């Protein structure tokens, strides 16, 4: 059986970063937001400037914010299953506004998914990573990856801010569908 390579984004695919950030903003400012309010991917464009500043200041000073982020529903079990079919690579953008982000993210991924740092790729240009299956919630990442990688499959992880189709990709937020896609790819 062919061993596949999976490239999987972290935030909003594996980690509930936005929900944690919105909880933090509510605690800091009293203002309530949810992912369903978002009409575009970029939180910086969505939040007020002072909210964003307060959020990043707190995240930088907190040793526990990233540690406290919850995994997305079903992600742990799905990653466990995907490991039976190949190698998992986390392809995530570095967050330069957060000091020690990569170290904290590496620990979080090891704790929740048993993903070693050698399998974590920090990159903004995710389309340069050639894998058999690429999963991301950012529409631009999926679009650029599909343009460059004709042999693999791309999954746009469904979120309120990416509620449209991208040609050449599959849209879902269901890990069972991902597992079915992988099983079909191996036939």
N, C-alpha and C. Protein backbone atom coordinates (compact mmCIF):
# COMPACT_ATOMS: atom_id res chain seq x y z
N UNK A 1 0.84 -1.17 0.00
CA UNK A 1 0.00 0.00 0.00
C UNK A 1 0.89 1.25 0.00
N UNK A 2 0.54 2.20 -0.85
CA UNK A 2 1.28 3.45 -0.94
C UNK A 2 1.10 4.26 0.34
N UNK A 3 2.18 4.82 0.83
CA UNK A 3 2.14 5.69 2.01
C UNK A 3 1.92 7.12 1.52
N UNK A 4 0.87 7.77 2.02
CA UNK A 4 0.54 9.12 1.60
C UNK A 4 1.19 10.15 2.51
N UNK A 5 1.27 11.38 2.00
CA UNK A 5 1.73 12.51 2.81
C UNK A 5 0.58 13.51 2.90
N UNK A 6 0.28 13.92 4.14
CA UNK A 6 -0.81 14.84 4.40
C UNK A 6 -0.24 16.15 4.90
N UNK A 7 -0.71 17.25 4.34
CA UNK A 7 -0.35 18.59 4.81
C UNK A 7 -1.59 19.23 5.41
N UNK A 8 -1.56 19.49 6.69
CA UNK A 8 -2.76 19.95 7.39
C UNK A 8 -2.46 21.25 8.14
N UNK A 9 -3.30 22.23 7.91
CA UNK A 9 -3.22 23.49 8.63
C UNK A 9 -3.59 23.26 10.10
N UNK A 10 -3.19 24.17 10.96
CA UNK A 10 -3.49 24.00 12.38
C UNK A 10 -4.73 24.78 12.80
N UNK A 11 -4.67 26.11 12.74
CA UNK A 11 -5.77 26.92 13.28
C UNK A 11 -7.04 26.75 12.46
N UNK A 12 -8.11 26.43 13.15
CA UNK A 12 -9.47 26.23 12.63
C UNK A 12 -9.64 24.92 11.87
N UNK A 13 -8.58 24.13 11.77
CA UNK A 13 -8.68 22.77 11.24
C UNK A 13 -8.41 21.79 12.38
N UNK A 14 -7.35 22.05 13.11
CA UNK A 14 -7.00 21.22 14.29
C UNK A 14 -7.23 21.95 15.60
N UNK A 15 -7.05 23.27 15.60
CA UNK A 15 -7.10 24.07 16.83
C UNK A 15 -8.18 25.14 16.75
N UNK A 16 -8.93 25.29 17.81
CA UNK A 16 -10.00 26.29 17.89
C UNK A 16 -9.43 27.65 18.31
N UNK A 17 -8.48 28.18 17.52
CA UNK A 17 -7.83 29.43 17.88
C UNK A 17 -8.82 30.60 17.94
N UNK A 18 -9.67 30.74 16.94
CA UNK A 18 -10.56 31.90 16.90
C UNK A 18 -11.54 31.89 18.09
N UNK A 19 -12.09 30.75 18.42
CA UNK A 19 -12.99 30.69 19.57
C UNK A 19 -12.26 31.10 20.85
N UNK A 20 -11.03 30.65 21.01
CA UNK A 20 -10.24 31.04 22.19
C UNK A 20 -9.94 32.53 22.16
N UNK A 21 -9.62 33.06 20.99
CA UNK A 21 -9.35 34.49 20.87
C UNK A 21 -10.59 35.31 21.17
N UNK A 22 -11.74 34.87 20.68
CA UNK A 22 -12.98 35.60 20.94
C UNK A 22 -13.36 35.55 22.43
N UNK A 23 -13.12 34.42 23.07
CA UNK A 23 -13.35 34.34 24.52
C UNK A 23 -12.44 35.33 25.26
N UNK A 24 -11.20 35.40 24.82
CA UNK A 24 -10.24 36.32 25.43
C UNK A 24 -10.69 37.78 25.24
N UNK A 25 -11.11 38.12 24.03
CA UNK A 25 -11.56 39.49 23.76
C UNK A 25 -12.77 39.83 24.62
N UNK A 26 -13.68 38.88 24.78
CA UNK A 26 -14.84 39.13 25.64
C UNK A 26 -14.40 39.40 27.08
N UNK A 27 -13.45 38.62 27.57
CA UNK A 27 -12.94 38.82 28.93
C UNK A 27 -12.22 40.16 29.09
N UNK A 28 -11.52 40.59 28.03
CA UNK A 28 -10.75 41.83 28.10
C UNK A 28 -11.58 43.08 27.85
N UNK A 29 -12.59 42.97 26.96
CA UNK A 29 -13.32 44.17 26.53
C UNK A 29 -14.82 44.12 26.80
N UNK A 30 -15.35 42.93 27.04
CA UNK A 30 -16.80 42.78 27.20
C UNK A 30 -17.53 42.61 25.87
N UNK A 31 -16.83 42.75 24.75
CA UNK A 31 -17.46 42.59 23.43
C UNK A 31 -17.48 41.12 23.04
N UNK A 32 -18.60 40.69 22.48
CA UNK A 32 -18.76 39.28 22.08
C UNK A 32 -18.69 39.14 20.57
N UNK A 33 -17.94 38.14 20.13
CA UNK A 33 -17.86 37.78 18.72
C UNK A 33 -17.94 36.26 18.62
N UNK A 34 -18.25 35.80 17.43
CA UNK A 34 -18.16 34.36 17.15
C UNK A 34 -17.68 34.19 15.71
N UNK A 35 -17.23 32.98 15.40
CA UNK A 35 -16.77 32.71 14.04
C UNK A 35 -17.86 32.98 13.02
N UNK A 36 -19.11 32.74 13.40
CA UNK A 36 -20.21 32.95 12.46
C UNK A 36 -20.36 34.42 12.07
N UNK A 37 -19.78 35.34 12.85
CA UNK A 37 -19.80 36.77 12.52
C UNK A 37 -18.79 37.12 11.42
N UNK A 38 -17.81 36.27 11.24
CA UNK A 38 -16.70 36.60 10.32
C UNK A 38 -17.11 36.39 8.88
N UNK A 39 -16.79 37.39 8.05
CA UNK A 39 -17.07 37.29 6.62
C UNK A 39 -15.79 37.14 5.81
N UNK A 40 -14.65 37.23 6.46
CA UNK A 40 -13.37 36.99 5.79
C UNK A 40 -12.41 36.33 6.77
N UNK A 41 -11.38 35.72 6.24
CA UNK A 41 -10.45 34.91 7.03
C UNK A 41 -9.64 35.74 8.04
N UNK A 42 -9.19 36.91 7.66
CA UNK A 42 -8.24 37.69 8.44
C UNK A 42 -8.88 38.34 9.67
N UNK A 43 -8.51 37.87 10.85
CA UNK A 43 -9.05 38.44 12.10
C UNK A 43 -8.65 39.90 12.27
N UNK A 44 -7.48 40.27 11.77
CA UNK A 44 -7.01 41.66 11.91
C UNK A 44 -7.95 42.64 11.21
N UNK A 45 -8.56 42.21 10.13
CA UNK A 45 -9.51 43.06 9.41
C UNK A 45 -10.88 43.03 10.07
N UNK A 46 -11.15 42.01 10.81
CA UNK A 46 -12.45 41.82 11.46
C UNK A 46 -12.54 42.57 12.79
N UNK A 47 -11.48 42.48 13.59
CA UNK A 47 -11.48 43.09 14.92
C UNK A 47 -11.16 44.58 14.85
N UNK A 48 -11.58 45.30 15.87
CA UNK A 48 -11.15 46.69 16.02
C UNK A 48 -9.67 46.67 16.38
N UNK A 49 -8.96 47.72 15.98
CA UNK A 49 -7.51 47.77 16.19
C UNK A 49 -7.13 47.60 17.66
N UNK A 50 -7.88 48.27 18.56
CA UNK A 50 -7.56 48.18 19.99
C UNK A 50 -7.82 46.77 20.53
N UNK A 51 -8.84 46.08 19.98
CA UNK A 51 -9.12 44.70 20.40
C UNK A 51 -7.97 43.77 19.99
N UNK A 52 -7.52 43.97 18.76
CA UNK A 52 -6.41 43.15 18.26
C UNK A 52 -5.15 43.39 19.09
N UNK A 53 -4.86 44.63 19.39
CA UNK A 53 -3.67 44.96 20.21
C UNK A 53 -3.76 44.34 21.60
N UNK A 54 -4.93 44.49 22.24
CA UNK A 54 -5.12 43.89 23.56
C UNK A 54 -4.95 42.37 23.52
N UNK A 55 -5.54 41.76 22.49
CA UNK A 55 -5.46 40.30 22.35
C UNK A 55 -4.01 39.85 22.23
N UNK A 56 -3.23 40.45 21.31
CA UNK A 56 -1.85 40.01 21.09
C UNK A 56 -0.98 40.33 22.30
N UNK A 57 -1.23 41.46 22.96
CA UNK A 57 -0.47 41.76 24.18
C UNK A 57 -0.70 40.68 25.24
N UNK A 58 -1.96 40.30 25.42
CA UNK A 58 -2.27 39.27 26.41
C UNK A 58 -1.64 37.94 26.01
N UNK A 59 -1.79 37.55 24.75
CA UNK A 59 -1.24 36.27 24.29
C UNK A 59 0.28 36.24 24.50
N UNK A 60 0.95 37.35 24.22
CA UNK A 60 2.40 37.42 24.42
C UNK A 60 2.80 37.29 25.88
N UNK A 61 2.01 37.84 26.77
CA UNK A 61 2.34 37.81 28.19
C UNK A 61 1.88 36.53 28.88
N UNK A 62 0.95 35.83 28.27
CA UNK A 62 0.39 34.64 28.90
C UNK A 62 1.20 33.39 28.55
N UNK A 63 1.66 32.67 29.57
CA UNK A 63 2.34 31.41 29.28
C UNK A 63 1.35 30.29 28.92
N UNK A 64 0.05 30.54 29.13
CA UNK A 64 -0.92 29.46 28.99
C UNK A 64 -1.97 29.62 27.90
N UNK A 65 -2.00 30.76 27.19
CA UNK A 65 -3.07 30.95 26.21
C UNK A 65 -3.04 29.86 25.14
N UNK A 66 -1.92 29.69 24.48
CA UNK A 66 -1.85 28.69 23.40
C UNK A 66 -2.07 27.29 23.97
N UNK A 67 -1.52 27.05 25.12
CA UNK A 67 -1.69 25.76 25.79
C UNK A 67 -3.17 25.44 26.04
N UNK A 68 -3.98 26.49 26.26
CA UNK A 68 -5.40 26.30 26.61
C UNK A 68 -6.33 26.15 25.40
N UNK A 69 -5.81 26.35 24.20
CA UNK A 69 -6.66 26.23 23.00
C UNK A 69 -7.14 24.78 22.87
N UNK A 70 -8.42 24.64 22.59
CA UNK A 70 -9.00 23.29 22.45
C UNK A 70 -8.81 22.77 21.02
N UNK A 71 -8.61 21.47 20.89
CA UNK A 71 -8.60 20.87 19.55
C UNK A 71 -10.00 20.95 18.93
N UNK A 72 -10.06 21.02 17.62
CA UNK A 72 -11.34 21.00 16.90
C UNK A 72 -12.01 19.64 17.08
N UNK A 73 -13.31 19.66 17.08
CA UNK A 73 -14.07 18.43 17.28
C UNK A 73 -13.72 17.38 16.22
N UNK A 74 -13.40 16.19 16.70
CA UNK A 74 -13.10 15.06 15.82
C UNK A 74 -11.70 15.02 15.27
N UNK A 75 -10.93 16.09 15.47
CA UNK A 75 -9.60 16.17 14.86
C UNK A 75 -8.62 15.14 15.44
N UNK A 76 -8.63 14.95 16.75
CA UNK A 76 -7.69 14.00 17.36
C UNK A 76 -7.87 12.59 16.80
N UNK A 77 -9.12 12.16 16.75
CA UNK A 77 -9.42 10.81 16.25
C UNK A 77 -9.04 10.69 14.77
N UNK A 78 -9.34 11.73 14.01
CA UNK A 78 -9.04 11.68 12.57
C UNK A 78 -7.54 11.65 12.30
N UNK A 79 -6.78 12.44 13.03
CA UNK A 79 -5.33 12.43 12.84
C UNK A 79 -4.78 11.06 13.21
N UNK A 80 -5.31 10.47 14.26
CA UNK A 80 -4.91 9.12 14.63
C UNK A 80 -5.16 8.13 13.49
N UNK A 81 -6.31 8.25 12.84
CA UNK A 81 -6.63 7.37 11.71
C UNK A 81 -5.74 7.67 10.50
N UNK A 82 -5.52 8.95 10.21
CA UNK A 82 -4.70 9.32 9.05
C UNK A 82 -3.27 8.81 9.18
N UNK A 83 -2.78 8.73 10.41
CA UNK A 83 -1.42 8.21 10.63
C UNK A 83 -1.28 6.77 10.14
N UNK A 84 -2.40 6.03 10.07
CA UNK A 84 -2.37 4.66 9.55
C UNK A 84 -2.14 4.62 8.05
N UNK A 85 -2.39 5.74 7.38
CA UNK A 85 -2.29 5.79 5.92
C UNK A 85 -1.07 6.54 5.42
N UNK A 86 -0.36 7.22 6.30
CA UNK A 86 0.81 7.96 5.83
C UNK A 86 1.36 8.91 6.87
N UNK A 87 2.13 9.87 6.40
CA UNK A 87 2.81 10.83 7.26
C UNK A 87 2.03 12.13 7.33
N UNK A 88 1.92 12.65 8.53
CA UNK A 88 1.22 13.91 8.78
C UNK A 88 2.26 15.02 8.89
N UNK A 89 2.06 16.09 8.13
CA UNK A 89 2.85 17.30 8.25
C UNK A 89 1.89 18.44 8.55
N UNK A 90 2.17 19.16 9.60
CA UNK A 90 1.38 20.34 9.93
C UNK A 90 2.03 21.50 9.19
N UNK A 91 1.23 22.17 8.38
CA UNK A 91 1.72 23.33 7.62
C UNK A 91 0.97 24.54 8.16
N UNK A 92 1.66 25.33 8.94
CA UNK A 92 1.01 26.44 9.63
C UNK A 92 1.83 27.71 9.46
N UNK A 93 1.14 28.82 9.38
CA UNK A 93 1.83 30.10 9.25
C UNK A 93 2.38 30.52 10.60
N UNK A 94 3.60 31.06 10.61
CA UNK A 94 4.13 31.58 11.87
C UNK A 94 3.38 32.86 12.25
N UNK A 95 3.20 33.06 13.54
CA UNK A 95 2.58 34.30 14.01
C UNK A 95 3.68 35.12 14.67
N UNK A 96 4.15 36.11 13.94
CA UNK A 96 5.28 36.91 14.43
C UNK A 96 4.90 37.84 15.57
N UNK A 97 3.60 38.10 15.74
CA UNK A 97 3.15 38.97 16.82
C UNK A 97 3.21 38.27 18.17
N UNK A 98 3.40 36.97 18.16
CA UNK A 98 3.40 36.19 19.39
C UNK A 98 4.80 35.62 19.62
N UNK A 99 5.46 36.13 20.67
CA UNK A 99 6.80 35.65 21.01
C UNK A 99 6.73 34.17 21.39
N UNK A 100 7.72 33.44 21.02
CA UNK A 100 7.82 32.01 21.32
C UNK A 100 6.64 31.21 20.76
N UNK A 101 5.98 31.74 19.75
CA UNK A 101 4.82 31.07 19.18
C UNK A 101 5.16 29.66 18.71
N UNK A 102 6.24 29.52 17.96
CA UNK A 102 6.56 28.20 17.40
C UNK A 102 6.83 27.18 18.49
N UNK A 103 7.53 27.58 19.52
CA UNK A 103 7.79 26.66 20.63
C UNK A 103 6.48 26.24 21.30
N UNK A 104 5.60 27.22 21.56
CA UNK A 104 4.31 26.92 22.19
C UNK A 104 3.44 26.06 21.27
N UNK A 105 3.43 26.37 19.99
CA UNK A 105 2.63 25.60 19.03
C UNK A 105 3.16 24.17 18.93
N UNK A 106 4.48 24.02 18.90
CA UNK A 106 5.07 22.68 18.84
C UNK A 106 4.65 21.84 20.04
N UNK A 107 4.68 22.43 21.23
CA UNK A 107 4.27 21.71 22.44
C UNK A 107 2.79 21.35 22.38
N UNK A 108 1.97 22.26 21.88
CA UNK A 108 0.52 22.01 21.78
C UNK A 108 0.25 20.84 20.83
N UNK A 109 0.91 20.85 19.68
CA UNK A 109 0.70 19.77 18.70
C UNK A 109 1.20 18.42 19.22
N UNK A 110 2.30 18.42 19.95
CA UNK A 110 2.81 17.19 20.53
C UNK A 110 1.83 16.67 21.59
N UNK A 111 1.34 17.56 22.43
CA UNK A 111 0.43 17.18 23.53
C UNK A 111 -0.90 16.63 23.01
N UNK A 112 -1.49 17.31 22.04
CA UNK A 112 -2.82 16.92 21.57
C UNK A 112 -2.83 15.89 20.45
N UNK A 113 -1.80 15.90 19.60
CA UNK A 113 -1.83 15.06 18.39
C UNK A 113 -0.61 14.16 18.25
N UNK A 114 0.31 14.24 19.19
CA UNK A 114 1.55 13.48 19.12
C UNK A 114 2.29 13.75 17.79
N UNK A 115 2.29 15.01 17.39
CA UNK A 115 3.01 15.44 16.19
C UNK A 115 4.35 16.02 16.64
N UNK A 116 5.43 15.42 16.17
CA UNK A 116 6.78 15.85 16.53
C UNK A 116 7.14 17.13 15.77
N UNK A 117 8.00 17.98 16.35
CA UNK A 117 8.42 19.21 15.66
C UNK A 117 8.99 18.98 14.26
N UNK A 118 9.63 17.83 14.02
CA UNK A 118 10.20 17.57 12.68
C UNK A 118 9.10 17.45 11.62
N UNK A 119 7.85 17.29 12.04
CA UNK A 119 6.72 17.19 11.11
C UNK A 119 5.88 18.47 11.08
N UNK A 120 6.46 19.56 11.57
CA UNK A 120 5.75 20.85 11.56
C UNK A 120 6.51 21.80 10.66
N UNK A 121 5.81 22.33 9.67
CA UNK A 121 6.39 23.25 8.71
C UNK A 121 5.75 24.62 8.92
N UNK A 122 6.57 25.61 9.23
CA UNK A 122 6.07 26.98 9.39
C UNK A 122 6.31 27.71 8.08
N UNK A 123 5.22 28.09 7.43
CA UNK A 123 5.35 28.74 6.12
C UNK A 123 4.12 29.56 5.80
N UNK A 124 4.32 30.70 5.20
CA UNK A 124 3.21 31.50 4.67
C UNK A 124 2.89 30.99 3.26
N UNK A 125 3.90 30.58 2.51
CA UNK A 125 3.73 30.09 1.14
C UNK A 125 3.47 28.58 1.18
N UNK A 126 2.32 28.20 1.70
CA UNK A 126 1.99 26.79 1.88
C UNK A 126 1.90 26.03 0.56
N UNK A 127 1.61 26.73 -0.51
CA UNK A 127 1.49 26.10 -1.83
C UNK A 127 2.80 25.47 -2.30
N UNK A 128 3.91 25.83 -1.68
CA UNK A 128 5.21 25.26 -2.06
C UNK A 128 5.41 23.86 -1.50
N UNK A 129 4.56 23.45 -0.56
CA UNK A 129 4.70 22.12 0.06
C UNK A 129 3.89 21.13 -0.78
N UNK A 130 4.58 20.14 -1.30
CA UNK A 130 3.97 19.14 -2.18
C UNK A 130 3.58 17.91 -1.35
N UNK A 131 2.28 17.72 -1.16
CA UNK A 131 1.75 16.58 -0.42
C UNK A 131 0.62 15.95 -1.23
N UNK A 132 0.18 14.78 -0.81
CA UNK A 132 -0.92 14.11 -1.52
C UNK A 132 -2.28 14.71 -1.19
N UNK A 133 -2.43 15.20 0.05
CA UNK A 133 -3.68 15.80 0.49
C UNK A 133 -3.37 17.01 1.35
N UNK A 134 -3.91 18.17 0.96
CA UNK A 134 -3.68 19.43 1.66
C UNK A 134 -5.01 19.93 2.21
N UNK A 135 -5.04 20.25 3.51
CA UNK A 135 -6.27 20.72 4.16
C UNK A 135 -5.98 22.07 4.82
N UNK A 136 -6.80 23.08 4.48
CA UNK A 136 -6.62 24.42 5.04
C UNK A 136 -7.95 25.14 5.01
N UNK A 137 -8.12 26.11 5.92
CA UNK A 137 -9.35 26.91 5.95
C UNK A 137 -9.19 28.24 5.21
N UNK A 138 -7.98 28.60 4.84
CA UNK A 138 -7.74 29.88 4.17
C UNK A 138 -7.93 29.70 2.66
N UNK A 139 -8.92 30.35 2.08
CA UNK A 139 -9.21 30.17 0.66
C UNK A 139 -8.02 30.48 -0.25
N UNK A 140 -7.25 31.52 0.08
CA UNK A 140 -6.09 31.85 -0.76
C UNK A 140 -5.07 30.72 -0.77
N UNK A 141 -4.85 30.09 0.39
CA UNK A 141 -3.89 28.97 0.46
C UNK A 141 -4.36 27.81 -0.42
N UNK A 142 -5.64 27.50 -0.36
CA UNK A 142 -6.17 26.40 -1.16
C UNK A 142 -6.06 26.73 -2.65
N UNK A 143 -6.46 27.94 -3.02
CA UNK A 143 -6.43 28.34 -4.43
C UNK A 143 -5.02 28.26 -5.00
N UNK A 144 -4.04 28.79 -4.29
CA UNK A 144 -2.65 28.77 -4.76
C UNK A 144 -2.10 27.34 -4.78
N UNK A 145 -2.48 26.53 -3.78
CA UNK A 145 -1.99 25.15 -3.74
C UNK A 145 -2.55 24.36 -4.92
N UNK A 146 -3.83 24.53 -5.23
CA UNK A 146 -4.47 23.83 -6.35
C UNK A 146 -3.79 24.22 -7.67
N UNK A 147 -3.47 25.49 -7.85
CA UNK A 147 -2.81 25.96 -9.07
C UNK A 147 -1.46 25.29 -9.27
N UNK A 148 -0.74 25.07 -8.19
CA UNK A 148 0.64 24.57 -8.28
C UNK A 148 0.74 23.05 -8.21
N UNK A 149 -0.19 22.40 -7.53
CA UNK A 149 -0.09 20.96 -7.26
C UNK A 149 -1.23 20.23 -7.97
N UNK A 150 -0.97 19.76 -9.15
CA UNK A 150 -2.01 19.13 -9.99
C UNK A 150 -2.31 17.69 -9.60
N UNK A 151 -1.39 17.01 -8.91
CA UNK A 151 -1.58 15.59 -8.61
C UNK A 151 -2.29 15.33 -7.29
N UNK A 152 -2.15 16.22 -6.33
CA UNK A 152 -2.74 16.00 -5.02
C UNK A 152 -4.18 16.50 -4.95
N UNK A 153 -4.78 16.29 -3.81
CA UNK A 153 -6.15 16.77 -3.55
C UNK A 153 -6.09 17.85 -2.48
N UNK A 154 -6.97 18.84 -2.64
CA UNK A 154 -7.05 19.94 -1.69
C UNK A 154 -8.44 19.95 -1.06
N UNK A 155 -8.45 20.17 0.25
CA UNK A 155 -9.72 20.29 0.97
C UNK A 155 -9.76 21.68 1.61
N UNK A 156 -10.79 22.43 1.25
CA UNK A 156 -11.07 23.70 1.91
C UNK A 156 -11.90 23.37 3.15
N UNK A 157 -11.29 23.58 4.33
CA UNK A 157 -11.99 23.27 5.58
C UNK A 157 -13.04 24.35 5.80
N UNK A 158 -14.28 23.93 5.77
CA UNK A 158 -15.43 24.82 5.78
C UNK A 158 -15.52 25.66 7.05
N UNK A 159 -15.64 26.98 6.84
CA UNK A 159 -15.82 27.95 7.92
C UNK A 159 -16.76 29.04 7.41
N UNK A 160 -17.39 29.80 8.30
CA UNK A 160 -18.31 30.86 7.85
C UNK A 160 -17.66 31.89 6.92
N UNK A 161 -16.37 32.14 7.10
CA UNK A 161 -15.67 33.15 6.31
C UNK A 161 -15.14 32.62 4.97
N UNK A 162 -15.35 31.36 4.66
CA UNK A 162 -14.92 30.83 3.35
C UNK A 162 -16.08 30.09 2.68
N UNK A 163 -17.25 30.66 2.76
CA UNK A 163 -18.47 30.00 2.31
C UNK A 163 -18.66 30.09 0.79
N UNK A 164 -17.70 29.55 0.05
CA UNK A 164 -17.78 29.53 -1.41
C UNK A 164 -16.90 28.38 -1.91
N UNK A 165 -17.12 28.02 -3.14
CA UNK A 165 -16.37 26.90 -3.73
C UNK A 165 -15.09 27.41 -4.38
N UNK A 166 -14.06 26.58 -4.36
CA UNK A 166 -12.81 26.86 -5.07
C UNK A 166 -12.61 25.71 -6.05
N UNK A 167 -12.59 26.01 -7.34
CA UNK A 167 -12.41 24.95 -8.33
C UNK A 167 -11.16 24.11 -8.04
N UNK A 168 -11.32 22.81 -8.17
CA UNK A 168 -10.21 21.89 -7.94
C UNK A 168 -10.06 21.46 -6.50
N UNK A 169 -10.95 21.93 -5.63
CA UNK A 169 -10.87 21.54 -4.22
C UNK A 169 -12.19 20.92 -3.78
N UNK A 170 -12.13 20.25 -2.66
CA UNK A 170 -13.30 19.66 -2.03
C UNK A 170 -13.56 20.47 -0.78
N UNK A 171 -14.82 20.77 -0.52
CA UNK A 171 -15.17 21.57 0.65
C UNK A 171 -15.85 20.67 1.69
N UNK A 172 -15.30 20.67 2.91
CA UNK A 172 -15.93 19.91 3.99
C UNK A 172 -15.41 20.42 5.33
N UNK A 173 -16.12 20.06 6.37
CA UNK A 173 -15.63 20.24 7.74
C UNK A 173 -15.91 18.95 8.52
N UNK A 174 -15.91 17.85 7.77
CA UNK A 174 -16.25 16.55 8.34
C UNK A 174 -15.06 15.60 8.17
N UNK A 175 -14.50 15.18 9.29
CA UNK A 175 -13.33 14.30 9.23
C UNK A 175 -13.65 12.94 8.62
N UNK A 176 -14.88 12.47 8.76
CA UNK A 176 -15.24 11.19 8.13
C UNK A 176 -15.13 11.27 6.62
N UNK A 177 -15.49 12.41 6.06
CA UNK A 177 -15.35 12.60 4.60
C UNK A 177 -13.87 12.59 4.22
N UNK A 178 -13.03 13.21 5.04
CA UNK A 178 -11.59 13.21 4.76
C UNK A 178 -11.06 11.78 4.75
N UNK A 179 -11.44 10.99 5.73
CA UNK A 179 -10.98 9.59 5.80
C UNK A 179 -11.46 8.82 4.57
N UNK A 180 -12.70 9.04 4.14
CA UNK A 180 -13.22 8.39 2.92
C UNK A 180 -12.42 8.80 1.69
N UNK A 181 -12.08 10.06 1.59
CA UNK A 181 -11.26 10.55 0.46
C UNK A 181 -9.92 9.83 0.44
N UNK A 182 -9.31 9.69 1.60
CA UNK A 182 -8.01 9.02 1.70
C UNK A 182 -8.14 7.55 1.29
N UNK A 183 -9.17 6.88 1.77
CA UNK A 183 -9.37 5.46 1.42
C UNK A 183 -9.57 5.31 -0.08
N UNK A 184 -10.33 6.21 -0.70
CA UNK A 184 -10.55 6.16 -2.15
C UNK A 184 -9.27 6.46 -2.92
N UNK A 185 -8.44 7.34 -2.40
CA UNK A 185 -7.20 7.69 -3.06
C UNK A 185 -6.24 6.50 -3.07
N UNK A 186 -6.37 5.61 -2.10
CA UNK A 186 -5.49 4.46 -2.02
C UNK A 186 -5.94 3.29 -2.91
N UNK A 187 -7.13 3.37 -3.45
CA UNK A 187 -7.64 2.28 -4.30
C UNK A 187 -6.97 2.26 -5.64
